[in-house]
Amino acid sequence: MPKMKTKSSAKKRFKVTGTGKIKRKHAFKSHILTKKSKKRKLKLTHDGLVHKSDKSNIMQQLSLK
């Protein structure tokens, strides 16, 4: 049986924490930043967690399940 391949796009975008949660970056922080407020840009800087309904799908893409 061949090895399971990881989705390259998923391994670049997600990291698994020690407790098993999945970290992600916020979107909308790459360009057109002049019209966004300082507060909004600051909130987008911090990492977020993947919602539990999407977790199984991402774990499968990372070949962890």
Protein backbone atom coordinates (compact mmCIF):
# COMPACT_ATOMS: atom_id res chain seq x y z
CA MET A 1 0.00 0.00 0.00
CA PRO A 2 1.47 3.41 -0.94
CA LYS A 3 2.18 6.13 1.58
CA MET A 4 -0.52 8.70 2.36
CA LYS A 5 0.44 12.08 0.95
CA THR A 6 -0.19 15.29 2.84
CA LYS A 7 -1.91 18.16 1.04
CA SER A 8 0.90 20.68 0.54
CA SER A 9 -1.49 23.62 0.77
CA ALA A 10 -2.79 22.41 4.13
CA LYS A 11 0.63 21.84 5.69
CA LYS A 12 1.62 25.41 4.77
CA ARG A 13 -1.53 26.93 6.31
CA PHE A 14 -2.18 24.95 9.51
CA LYS A 15 -0.21 23.88 12.60
CA VAL A 16 -1.37 21.40 15.24
CA THR A 17 -0.93 22.51 18.85
CA GLY A 18 0.17 20.26 21.69
CA THR A 19 -3.43 19.84 22.86
CA GLY A 20 -4.59 18.76 19.38
CA LYS A 21 -6.21 22.02 18.27
CA ILE A 22 -5.39 23.46 14.84
CA LYS A 23 -3.99 26.98 14.52
CA ARG A 24 -4.64 29.13 11.46
CA LYS A 25 -3.91 32.63 10.22
CA HIS A 26 -6.62 35.22 9.66
CA ALA A 27 -7.48 36.25 6.11
CA PHE A 28 -7.66 39.81 4.70
CA LYS A 29 -4.27 40.98 6.02
CA SER A 30 -2.20 40.82 2.83
CA HIS A 31 -3.12 43.94 0.82
CA ILE A 32 -5.48 46.94 0.64
CA LEU A 33 -4.59 47.81 4.22
CA THR A 34 -5.01 51.59 3.97
CA LYS A 35 -8.79 51.53 4.36
CA LYS A 36 -8.71 49.12 7.32
CA SER A 37 -8.51 50.51 10.81
CA LYS A 38 -5.51 49.94 13.05
CA LYS A 39 -7.67 47.97 15.48
CA ARG A 40 -8.94 45.68 12.71
CA LYS A 41 -5.43 45.02 11.36
CA LEU A 42 -4.15 44.27 14.86
CA LYS A 43 -6.90 41.70 15.44
CA LEU A 44 -6.11 40.03 12.10
CA THR A 45 -2.45 39.69 13.10
CA HIS A 46 -3.14 37.17 15.86
CA ASP A 47 -3.63 33.48 15.11
CA GLY A 48 -7.03 31.87 15.38
CA LEU A 49 -8.24 28.32 15.88
CA VAL A 50 -10.05 26.18 13.34
CA HIS A 51 -13.73 25.55 14.14
CA LYS A 52 -14.56 22.06 15.39
CA SER A 53 -16.81 21.37 12.37
CA ASP A 54 -13.83 21.87 10.01
CA LYS A 55 -11.29 20.05 12.18
CA SER A 56 -11.86 16.52 10.83
CA ASN A 57 -11.53 17.71 7.22
CA ILE A 58 -8.22 19.46 7.90
CA MET A 59 -6.87 16.55 9.94
CA GLN A 60 -7.57 14.31 6.94
CA GLN A 61 -5.74 16.72 4.62
CA LEU A 62 -2.77 16.69 6.99
CA SER A 63 -2.93 12.84 7.02
CA LEU A 64 -3.23 12.77 10.80
CA LYS A 65 -6.45 10.78 11.00
